[in-house]
Amino acid sequence: MHEVIIYTADRCPYCIMAKRLLNNKRAAYKEINVDAEPGLRGEMQQKTNRRTVPQIFIGKTHVGGFDELYALDRSNQLDPLLGRA
């Protein structure tokens, strides 16, 4: 299974939905809450060129946000990206 990192923020409904989808897939992930510490949002923006959360990485692949994660799941591409056959 590839490492999953998800940048989140407090009171973000799309973050909740992304984590719920990953939990349903039983995919372990590291959550980085950009509201928890100054500089984390800037770190996320530098890595992704995006300001919105969630921002999701699976392995070295920047998936994007919840919409992209959901689209991968609907097209049966999420499981292979997670490292499942």
PDB file of N, CA and C in Angstrom:
ATOM      1  N   MET A   1       0.858  -1.179   0.000  1.00  0.00           N
ATOM      2  CA  MET A   1       0.000   0.000   0.000  1.00  0.00           C
ATOM      3  C   MET A   1       0.904   1.242   0.000  1.00  0.00           C
ATOM      4  N   HIS A   2       0.572   2.191  -0.838  1.00  0.00           N
ATOM      5  CA  HIS A   2       1.346   3.423  -0.921  1.00  0.00           C
ATOM      6  C   HIS A   2       0.956   4.383   0.193  1.00  0.00           C
ATOM      7  N   GLU A   3       1.907   5.238   0.563  1.00  0.00           N
ATOM      8  CA  GLU A   3       1.641   6.235   1.601  1.00  0.00           C
ATOM      9  C   GLU A   3       0.631   7.261   1.080  1.00  0.00           C
ATOM     10  N   VAL A   4      -0.336   7.587   1.931  1.00  0.00           N
ATOM     11  CA  VAL A   4      -1.344   8.588   1.592  1.00  0.00           C
ATOM     12  C   VAL A   4      -1.193   9.748   2.557  1.00  0.00           C
ATOM     13  N   ILE A   5      -1.099  10.943   2.014  1.00  0.00           N
ATOM     14  CA  ILE A   5      -1.027  12.166   2.819  1.00  0.00           C
ATOM     15  C   ILE A   5      -2.184  13.052   2.385  1.00  0.00           C
ATOM     16  N   ILE A   6      -2.907  13.566   3.367  1.00  0.00           N
ATOM     17  CA  ILE A   6      -4.034  14.448   3.067  1.00  0.00           C
ATOM     18  C   ILE A   6      -3.900  15.722   3.893  1.00  0.00           C
ATOM     19  N   TYR A   7      -3.841  16.836   3.194  1.00  0.00           N
ATOM     20  CA  TYR A   7      -3.840  18.150   3.844  1.00  0.00           C
ATOM     21  C   TYR A   7      -5.297  18.539   4.079  1.00  0.00           C
ATOM     22  N   THR A   8      -5.626  18.900   5.317  1.00  0.00           N
ATOM     23  CA  THR A   8      -6.991  19.238   5.691  1.00  0.00           C
ATOM     24  C   THR A   8      -7.024  20.563   6.441  1.00  0.00           C
ATOM     25  N   ALA A   9      -8.244  21.015   6.731  1.00  0.00           N
ATOM     26  CA  ALA A   9      -8.454  22.196   7.555  1.00  0.00           C
ATOM     27  C   ALA A   9      -9.681  21.949   8.431  1.00  0.00           C
ATOM     28  N   ASP A  10      -9.753  22.697   9.520  1.00  0.00           N
ATOM     29  CA  ASP A  10     -10.915  22.601  10.403  1.00  0.00           C
ATOM     30  C   ASP A  10     -12.171  23.012   9.644  1.00  0.00           C
ATOM     31  N   ARG A  11     -13.259  22.376   9.956  1.00  0.00           N
ATOM     32  CA  ARG A  11     -14.581  22.696   9.390  1.00  0.00           C
ATOM     33  C   ARG A  11     -14.617  22.651   7.866  1.00  0.00           C
ATOM     34  N   CYS A  12     -13.961  21.681   7.295  1.00  0.00           N
ATOM     35  CA  CYS A  12     -13.924  21.523   5.841  1.00  0.00           C
ATOM     36  C   CYS A  12     -14.734  20.285   5.471  1.00  0.00           C
ATOM     37  N   PRO A  13     -15.922  20.458   4.883  1.00  0.00           N
ATOM     38  CA  PRO A  13     -16.748  19.292   4.561  1.00  0.00           C
ATOM     39  C   PRO A  13     -16.116  18.372   3.514  1.00  0.00           C
ATOM     40  N   TYR A  14     -15.373  18.931   2.574  1.00  0.00           N
ATOM     41  CA  TYR A  14     -14.727  18.093   1.567  1.00  0.00           C
ATOM     42  C   TYR A  14     -13.599  17.260   2.171  1.00  0.00           C
ATOM     43  N   CYS A  15     -12.956  17.790   3.200  1.00  0.00           N
ATOM     44  CA  CYS A  15     -11.928  17.026   3.917  1.00  0.00           C
ATOM     45  C   CYS A  15     -12.568  15.833   4.616  1.00  0.00           C
ATOM     46  N   ILE A  16     -13.702  16.069   5.234  1.00  0.00           N
ATOM     47  CA  ILE A  16     -14.423  14.992   5.922  1.00  0.00           C
ATOM     48  C   ILE A  16     -14.825  13.909   4.926  1.00  0.00           C
ATOM     49  N   MET A  17     -15.331  14.316   3.771  1.00  0.00           N
ATOM     50  CA  MET A  17     -15.752  13.342   2.765  1.00  0.00           C
ATOM     51  C   MET A  17     -14.553  12.561   2.217  1.00  0.00           C
ATOM     52  N   ALA A  18     -13.425  13.231   2.015  1.00  0.00           N
ATOM     53  CA  ALA A  18     -12.225  12.544   1.512  1.00  0.00           C
ATOM     54  C   ALA A  18     -11.732  11.526   2.535  1.00  0.00           C
ATOM     55  N   LYS A  19     -11.692  11.914   3.798  1.00  0.00           N
ATOM     56  CA  LYS A  19     -11.250  10.982   4.839  1.00  0.00           C
ATOM     57  C   LYS A  19     -12.224   9.816   4.960  1.00  0.00           C
ATOM     58  N   ARG A  20     -13.515  10.076   4.831  1.00  0.00           N
ATOM     59  CA  ARG A  20     -14.517   9.011   4.893  1.00  0.00           C
ATOM     60  C   ARG A  20     -14.304   8.013   3.739  1.00  0.00           C
ATOM     61  N   LEU A  21     -14.051   8.516   2.539  1.00  0.00           N
ATOM     62  CA  LEU A  21     -13.812   7.635   1.397  1.00  0.00           C
ATOM     63  C   LEU A  21     -12.566   6.782   1.639  1.00  0.00           C
ATOM     64  N   LEU A  22     -11.494   7.402   2.122  1.00  0.00           N
ATOM     65  CA  LEU A  22     -10.268   6.658   2.400  1.00  0.00           C
ATOM     66  C   LEU A  22     -10.486   5.638   3.516  1.00  0.00           C
ATOM     67  N   ASN A  23     -11.252   6.018   4.541  1.00  0.00           N
ATOM     68  CA  ASN A  23     -11.559   5.078   5.621  1.00  0.00           C
ATOM     69  C   ASN A  23     -12.357   3.893   5.090  1.00  0.00           C
ATOM     70  N   ASN A  24     -13.317   4.146   4.213  1.00  0.00           N
ATOM     71  CA  ASN A  24     -14.110   3.064   3.624  1.00  0.00           C
ATOM     72  C   ASN A  24     -13.243   2.117   2.801  1.00  0.00           C
ATOM     73  N   LYS A  25     -12.175   2.649   2.231  1.00  0.00           N
ATOM     74  CA  LYS A  25     -11.219   1.837   1.477  1.00  0.00           C
ATOM     75  C   LYS A  25     -10.203   1.164   2.405  1.00  0.00           C
ATOM     76  N   ARG A  26     -10.304   1.455   3.686  1.00  0.00           N
ATOM     77  CA  ARG A  26      -9.353   0.958   4.691  1.00  0.00           C
ATOM     78  C   ARG A  26      -7.920   1.354   4.339  1.00  0.00           C
ATOM     79  N   ALA A  27      -7.785   2.578   3.843  1.00  0.00           N
ATOM     80  CA  ALA A  27      -6.483   3.120   3.474  1.00  0.00           C
ATOM     81  C   ALA A  27      -5.972   3.981   4.632  1.00  0.00           C
ATOM     82  N   ALA A  28      -4.830   3.629   5.154  1.00  0.00           N
ATOM     83  CA  ALA A  28      -4.212   4.439   6.202  1.00  0.00           C
ATOM     84  C   ALA A  28      -3.704   5.730   5.558  1.00  0.00           C
ATOM     85  N   TYR A  29      -3.806   6.815   6.290  1.00  0.00           N
ATOM     86  CA  TYR A  29      -3.328   8.086   5.760  1.00  0.00           C
ATOM     87  C   TYR A  29      -2.761   8.943   6.881  1.00  0.00           C
ATOM     88  N   LYS A  30      -1.882   9.831   6.476  1.00  0.00           N
ATOM     89  CA  LYS A  30      -1.327  10.833   7.397  1.00  0.00           C
ATOM     90  C   LYS A  30      -2.064  12.124   7.115  1.00  0.00           C
ATOM     91  N   GLU A  31      -2.693  12.673   8.149  1.00  0.00           N
ATOM     92  CA  GLU A  31      -3.429  13.921   8.006  1.00  0.00           C
ATOM     93  C   GLU A  31      -2.567  15.080   8.484  1.00  0.00           C
ATOM     94  N   ILE A  32      -2.500  16.109   7.664  1.00  0.00           N
ATOM     95  CA  ILE A  32      -1.796  17.334   8.028  1.00  0.00           C
ATOM     96  C   ILE A  32      -2.819  18.457   8.026  1.00  0.00           C
ATOM     97  N   ASN A  33      -3.176  18.922   9.210  1.00  0.00           N
ATOM     98  CA  ASN A  33      -4.171  19.989   9.353  1.00  0.00           C
ATOM     99  C   ASN A  33      -3.463  21.331   9.215  1.00  0.00           C
ATOM    100  N   VAL A  34      -3.765  22.060   8.144  1.00  0.00           N
ATOM    101  CA  VAL A  34      -3.072  23.318   7.867  1.00  0.00           C
ATOM    102  C   VAL A  34      -3.459  24.423   8.845  1.00  0.00           C
ATOM    103  N   ASP A  35      -4.532  24.222   9.604  1.00  0.00           N
ATOM    104  CA  ASP A  35      -4.916  25.201  10.617  1.00  0.00           C
ATOM    105  C   ASP A  35      -4.163  24.995  11.928  1.00  0.00           C
ATOM    106  N   ALA A  36      -3.481  23.861  12.061  1.00  0.00           N
ATOM    107  CA  ALA A  36      -2.860  23.498  13.331  1.00  0.00           C
ATOM    108  C   ALA A  36      -1.563  24.248  13.610  1.00  0.00           C
ATOM    109  N   GLU A  37      -0.888  24.672  12.558  1.00  0.00           N
ATOM    110  CA  GLU A  37       0.428  25.270  12.751  1.00  0.00           C
ATOM    111  C   GLU A  37       0.714  26.271  11.625  1.00  0.00           C
ATOM    112  N   PRO A  38       1.197  27.451  11.995  1.00  0.00           N
ATOM    113  CA  PRO A  38       1.538  28.425  10.946  1.00  0.00           C
ATOM    114  C   PRO A  38       2.576  27.841   9.988  1.00  0.00           C
ATOM    115  N   GLY A  39       2.407  28.099   8.723  1.00  0.00           N
ATOM    116  CA  GLY A  39       3.354  27.638   7.723  1.00  0.00           C
ATOM    117  C   GLY A  39       2.933  26.381   6.993  1.00  0.00           C
ATOM    118  N   LEU A  40       2.012  25.609   7.569  1.00  0.00           N
ATOM    119  CA  LEU A  40       1.612  24.374   6.907  1.00  0.00           C
ATOM    120  C   LEU A  40       0.808  24.637   5.637  1.00  0.00           C
ATOM    121  N   ARG A  41      -0.031  25.672   5.653  1.00  0.00           N
ATOM    122  CA  ARG A  41      -0.783  26.006   4.436  1.00  0.00           C
ATOM    123  C   ARG A  41       0.178  26.438   3.328  1.00  0.00           C
ATOM    124  N   GLY A  42       1.183  27.213   3.692  1.00  0.00           N
ATOM    125  CA  GLY A  42       2.199  27.631   2.720  1.00  0.00           C
ATOM    126  C   GLY A  42       2.963  26.449   2.156  1.00  0.00           C
ATOM    127  N   GLU A  43       3.282  25.489   3.013  1.00  0.00           N
ATOM    128  CA  GLU A  43       3.953  24.260   2.569  1.00  0.00           C
ATOM    129  C   GLU A  43       3.087  23.523   1.552  1.00  0.00           C
ATOM    130  N   MET A  44       1.786  23.414   1.871  1.00  0.00           N
ATOM    131  CA  MET A  44       0.855  22.738   0.968  1.00  0.00           C
ATOM    132  C   MET A  44       0.786  23.482  -0.368  1.00  0.00           C
ATOM    133  N   GLN A  45       0.671  24.802  -0.323  1.00  0.00           N
ATOM    134  CA  GLN A  45       0.574  25.602  -1.546  1.00  0.00           C
ATOM    135  C   GLN A  45       1.824  25.456  -2.401  1.00  0.00           C
ATOM    136  N   GLN A  46       2.966  25.396  -1.757  1.00  0.00           N
ATOM    137  CA  GLN A  46       4.217  25.264  -2.496  1.00  0.00           C
ATOM    138  C   GLN A  46       4.278  23.914  -3.205  1.00  0.00           C
ATOM    139  N   LYS A  47       3.795  22.856  -2.560  1.00  0.00           N
ATOM    140  CA  LYS A  47       3.830  21.517  -3.148  1.00  0.00           C
ATOM    141  C   LYS A  47       2.792  21.326  -4.249  1.00  0.00           C
ATOM    142  N   THR A  48       1.646  22.026  -4.138  1.00  0.00           N
ATOM    143  CA  THR A  48       0.521  21.737  -5.023  1.00  0.00           C
ATOM    144  C   THR A  48       0.137  22.866  -5.964  1.00  0.00           C
ATOM    145  N   ASN A  49       0.587  24.087  -5.687  1.00  0.00           N
ATOM    146  CA  ASN A  49       0.138  25.281  -6.410  1.00  0.00           C
ATOM    147  C   ASN A  49      -1.367  25.487  -6.260  1.00  0.00           C
ATOM    148  N   ARG A  50      -1.934  24.991  -5.176  1.00  0.00           N
ATOM    149  CA  ARG A  50      -3.356  25.151  -4.892  1.00  0.00           C
ATOM    150  C   ARG A  50      -3.522  25.668  -3.471  1.00  0.00           C
ATOM    151  N   ARG A  51      -4.614  26.410  -3.262  1.00  0.00           N
ATOM    152  CA  ARG A  51      -4.871  26.998  -1.946  1.00  0.00           C
ATOM    153  C   ARG A  51      -5.957  26.267  -1.173  1.00  0.00           C
ATOM    154  N   THR A  52      -6.724  25.425  -1.854  1.00  0.00           N
ATOM    155  CA  THR A  52      -7.878  24.793  -1.227  1.00  0.00           C
ATOM    156  C   THR A  52      -7.514  23.436  -0.624  1.00  0.00           C
ATOM    157  N   VAL A  53      -8.301  23.049   0.358  1.00  0.00           N
ATOM    158  CA  VAL A  53      -8.163  21.731   0.966  1.00  0.00           C
ATOM    159  C   VAL A  53      -9.431  20.947   0.692  1.00  0.00           C
ATOM    160  N   PRO A  54      -9.353  19.639   0.679  1.00  0.00           N
ATOM    161  CA  PRO A  54      -8.158  18.840   0.922  1.00  0.00           C
ATOM    162  C   PRO A  54      -7.248  18.801  -0.306  1.00  0.00           C
ATOM    163  N   GLN A  55      -5.997  18.502  -0.044  1.00  0.00           N
ATOM    164  CA  GLN A  55      -5.036  18.169  -1.096  1.00  0.00           C
ATOM    165  C   GLN A  55      -4.475  16.810  -0.725  1.00  0.00           C
ATOM    166  N   ILE A  56      -4.535  15.891  -1.668  1.00  0.00           N
ATOM    167  CA  ILE A  56      -4.256  14.497  -1.381  1.00  0.00           C
ATOM    168  C   ILE A  56      -3.108  13.996  -2.251  1.00  0.00           C
ATOM    169  N   PHE A  57      -2.174  13.310  -1.608  1.00  0.00           N
ATOM    170  CA  PHE A  57      -1.069  12.645  -2.285  1.00  0.00           C
ATOM    171  C   PHE A  57      -1.175  11.155  -2.012  1.00  0.00           C
ATOM    172  N   ILE A  58      -1.018  10.359  -3.043  1.00  0.00           N
ATOM    173  CA  ILE A  58      -0.912   8.910  -2.893  1.00  0.00           C
ATOM    174  C   ILE A  58       0.423   8.522  -3.496  1.00  0.00           C
ATOM    175  N   GLY A  59       1.314   8.083  -2.637  1.00  0.00           N
ATOM    176  CA  GLY A  59       2.688   7.872  -3.080  1.00  0.00           C
ATOM    177  C   GLY A  59       3.249   9.205  -3.532  1.00  0.00           C
ATOM    178  N   LYS A  60       3.811   9.241  -4.715  1.00  0.00           N
ATOM    179  CA  LYS A  60       4.365  10.495  -5.249  1.00  0.00           C
ATOM    180  C   LYS A  60       3.367  11.236  -6.131  1.00  0.00           C
ATOM    181  N   THR A  61       2.161  10.682  -6.261  1.00  0.00           N
ATOM    182  CA  THR A  61       1.146  11.265  -7.130  1.00  0.00           C
ATOM    183  C   THR A  61       0.289  12.267  -6.378  1.00  0.00           C
ATOM    184  N   HIS A  62       0.223  13.489  -6.884  1.00  0.00           N
ATOM    185  CA  HIS A  62      -0.699  14.487  -6.336  1.00  0.00           C
ATOM    186  C   HIS A  62      -2.050  14.254  -6.991  1.00  0.00           C
ATOM    187  N   VAL A  63      -2.979  13.731  -6.208  1.00  0.00           N
ATOM    188  CA  VAL A  63      -4.310  13.417  -6.712  1.00  0.00           C
ATOM    189  C   VAL A  63      -5.116  14.688  -6.933  1.00  0.00           C
ATOM    190  N   GLY A  64      -5.000  15.627  -6.006  1.00  0.00           N
ATOM    191  CA  GLY A  64      -5.808  16.844  -6.029  1.00  0.00           C
ATOM    192  C   GLY A  64      -6.719  16.850  -4.823  1.00  0.00           C
ATOM    193  N   GLY A  65      -7.961  17.270  -5.021  1.00  0.00           N
ATOM    194  CA  GLY A  65      -8.915  17.376  -3.928  1.00  0.00           C
ATOM    195  C   GLY A  65      -9.901  16.225  -3.905  1.00  0.00           C
ATOM    196  N   PHE A  66     -10.994  16.438  -3.177  1.00  0.00           N
ATOM    197  CA  PHE A  66     -11.995  15.387  -3.033  1.00  0.00           C
ATOM    198  C   PHE A  66     -12.604  15.000  -4.375  1.00  0.00           C
ATOM    199  N   ASP A  67     -12.920  15.972  -5.210  1.00  0.00           N
ATOM    200  CA  ASP A  67     -13.553  15.662  -6.492  1.00  0.00           C
ATOM    201  C   ASP A  67     -12.691  14.708  -7.322  1.00  0.00           C
ATOM    202  N   GLU A  68     -11.409  14.952  -7.347  1.00  0.00           N
ATOM    203  CA  GLU A  68     -10.504  14.089  -8.097  1.00  0.00           C
ATOM    204  C   GLU A  68     -10.398  12.706  -7.450  1.00  0.00           C
ATOM    205  N   LEU A  69     -10.348  12.664  -6.127  1.00  0.00           N
ATOM    206  CA  LEU A  69     -10.297  11.388  -5.407  1.00  0.00           C
ATOM    207  C   LEU A  69     -11.547  10.571  -5.698  1.00  0.00           C
ATOM    208  N   TYR A  70     -12.689  11.215  -5.645  1.00  0.00           N
ATOM    209  CA  TYR A  70     -13.966  10.550  -5.897  1.00  0.00           C
ATOM    210  C   TYR A  70     -14.034  10.043  -7.344  1.00  0.00           C
ATOM    211  N   ALA A  71     -13.559  10.858  -8.278  1.00  0.00           N
ATOM    212  CA  ALA A  71     -13.557  10.455  -9.687  1.00  0.00           C
ATOM    213  C   ALA A  71     -12.672   9.226  -9.902  1.00  0.00           C
ATOM    214  N   LEU A  72     -11.535   9.182  -9.219  1.00  0.00           N
ATOM    215  CA  LEU A  72     -10.669   8.006  -9.322  1.00  0.00           C
ATOM    216  C   LEU A  72     -11.380   6.765  -8.798  1.00  0.00           C
ATOM    217  N   ASP A  73     -12.102   6.915  -7.705  1.00  0.00           N
ATOM    218  CA  ASP A  73     -12.829   5.787  -7.142  1.00  0.00           C
ATOM    219  C   ASP A  73     -13.926   5.322  -8.094  1.00  0.00           C
ATOM    220  N   ARG A  74     -14.685   6.258  -8.635  1.00  0.00           N
ATOM    221  CA  ARG A  74     -15.802   5.925  -9.543  1.00  0.00           C
ATOM    222  C   ARG A  74     -15.320   5.251 -10.825  1.00  0.00           C
ATOM    223  N   SER A  75     -14.101   5.582 -11.252  1.00  0.00           N
ATOM    224  CA  SER A  75     -13.564   4.994 -12.488  1.00  0.00           C
ATOM    225  C   SER A  75     -12.676   3.772 -12.204  1.00  0.00           C
ATOM    226  N   ASN A  76     -12.747   3.268 -10.972  1.00  0.00           N
ATOM    227  CA  ASN A  76     -11.987   2.076 -10.557  1.00  0.00           C
ATOM    228  C   ASN A  76     -10.481   2.240 -10.697  1.00  0.00           C
ATOM    229  N   GLN A  77     -10.007   3.472 -10.560  1.00  0.00           N
ATOM    230  CA  GLN A  77      -8.564   3.726 -10.637  1.00  0.00           C
ATOM    231  C   GLN A  77      -7.946   3.975  -9.262  1.00  0.00           C
ATOM    232  N   LEU A  78      -8.772   4.119  -8.221  1.00  0.00           N
ATOM    233  CA  LEU A  78      -8.239   4.442  -6.901  1.00  0.00           C
ATOM    234  C   LEU A  78      -7.528   3.244  -6.277  1.00  0.00           C
ATOM    235  N   ASP A  79      -8.133   2.071  -6.335  1.00  0.00           N
ATOM    236  CA  ASP A  79      -7.521   0.900  -5.718  1.00  0.00           C
ATOM    237  C   ASP A  79      -6.132   0.614  -6.287  1.00  0.00           C
ATOM    238  N   PRO A  80      -5.944   0.627  -7.608  1.00  0.00           N
ATOM    239  CA  PRO A  80      -4.587   0.421  -8.126  1.00  0.00           C
ATOM    240  C   PRO A  80      -3.611   1.513  -7.671  1.00  0.00           C
ATOM    241  N   LEU A  81      -4.086   2.751  -7.595  1.00  0.00           N
ATOM    242  CA  LEU A  81      -3.215   3.833  -7.141  1.00  0.00           C
ATOM    243  C   LEU A  81      -2.808   3.635  -5.686  1.00  0.00           C
ATOM    244  N   LEU A  82      -3.715   3.073  -4.900  1.00  0.00           N
ATOM    245  CA  LEU A  82      -3.419   2.781  -3.495  1.00  0.00           C
ATOM    246  C   LEU A  82      -2.485   1.591  -3.344  1.00  0.00           C
ATOM    247  N   GLY A  83      -2.238   0.864  -4.440  1.00  0.00           N
ATOM    248  CA  GLY A  83      -1.336  -0.273  -4.400  1.00  0.00           C
ATOM    249  C   GLY A  83      -2.041  -1.591  -4.227  1.00  0.00           C
ATOM    250  N   ARG A  84      -3.310  -1.601  -4.561  1.00  0.00           N
ATOM    251  CA  ARG A  84      -4.116  -2.824  -4.495  1.00  0.00           C
ATOM    252  C   ARG A  84      -4.359  -3.325  -5.909  1.00  0.00           C
ATOM    253  N   ALA A  85      -4.385  -4.637  -6.028  1.00  0.00           N
ATOM    254  CA  ALA A  85      -4.596  -5.233  -7.360  1.00  0.00           C
ATOM    255  C   ALA A  85      -5.995  -5.062  -7.860  1.00  0.00           C
TER     256      ALA A  85
END
